[in-house]
Amino acid sequence: MNHASLAAATDALWTAAAQNALHYGVTAIQAIVILLLGWWLSNLLTRIVRRALDRSPQFDKTLKPLTYSVVQWSVRGITIVAVLAQFGVQTASIIAVLGAAGLAIGLALQGTLQNIAAGTMLLVLRPFKIGDYISAGSSIGGTVEEIGLFTSTLTTADGVYMSVPNNQIWGSAITNYSRNSRRRMDITVNIDLRDDLDSAIAALSSLTATHEHVLRDPAPEVMVKEIHEQAVVINVRLWTLSEYYWAVYWELQRGVKKTVEAAGCSLPYPTRTIVMTPAPTTPQ
């Protein structure tokens, strides 16, 4: 090879190297710019979402960090894919692999993801809050102590700790005994058939009218519910604030007996009459 050919080959090599360096340099700069813009945009959107949620008192505090992370890393994930695409990486195959991996993980953690979804719905829709007494299904009941993404913590009426997966609560009918400010109460009283019914009704009406925690609107009612063979069943219906429900219930249950007896009436008990007849005598 003569000197001219060698020089031409060297010039071509340096030209190709310069072109490649320029190409990859521009690509690298574009990738860095995309990466910086993506990171800046993710932080910007996170701050916007944070300010919007901070102005919304209804949005649960427990759910806010999760929302921030989802917004931030969603934008950053798109940014990383865009950066890889700048270097000629086949992002479609990467997305397919990530999708398959996500599906496999989702199937493996199906129960856990259901609890997360249920916890999110409980935090967003708020069928109950901390301090409420609730029941769900046939075996879940107590005062709510904590609402988490995976489980909710309750304390039963007898002071027992209960940790319940959120999916079990969300998948059942939820009864919240503390949600409404007022609750209705019905107390039944049996009066002997021979007693003065009007006196018993008047005495029970006076009992509910003088109690400090019995609401006047709706007004309490005393009515004859039904008549049995040995008693007249009187129903005492009243409304009270939810926070005083059990205190009023126990006080009235105790006061009903004294009130009825003071009115000259009695509480009948089941009785059975046995009639004995002499045996027939046989002729001698």
Foldseek 3Di string as FASTA:
>chain_A
DDPVVVVVVVVVVVVVVVVVCVLVVVLVVVLVVLQVVLQVVLVVVLVVLVVVVVVPPLQDPQCSVVVSVVSNVVSNVVSVLVSCVSVVDPSVVVVVVVVVVVVVVCVVCVLQVLLLVLLNCCRNVVPDDQQWWKAWPDPDTAGWHARHSFWTWGAHPVGDIDTGGSNRRSVTDMDTLQPDFKDKDKDKAWWFPPDDPVLLQVLLLVVLVPDPFWDPVVHWDWAFDQDDPTTTIIMTMTMGTSVCVVVVVVVVVVVSQVSQVVSVIHGDDDDDDDDDDDDDDDDD
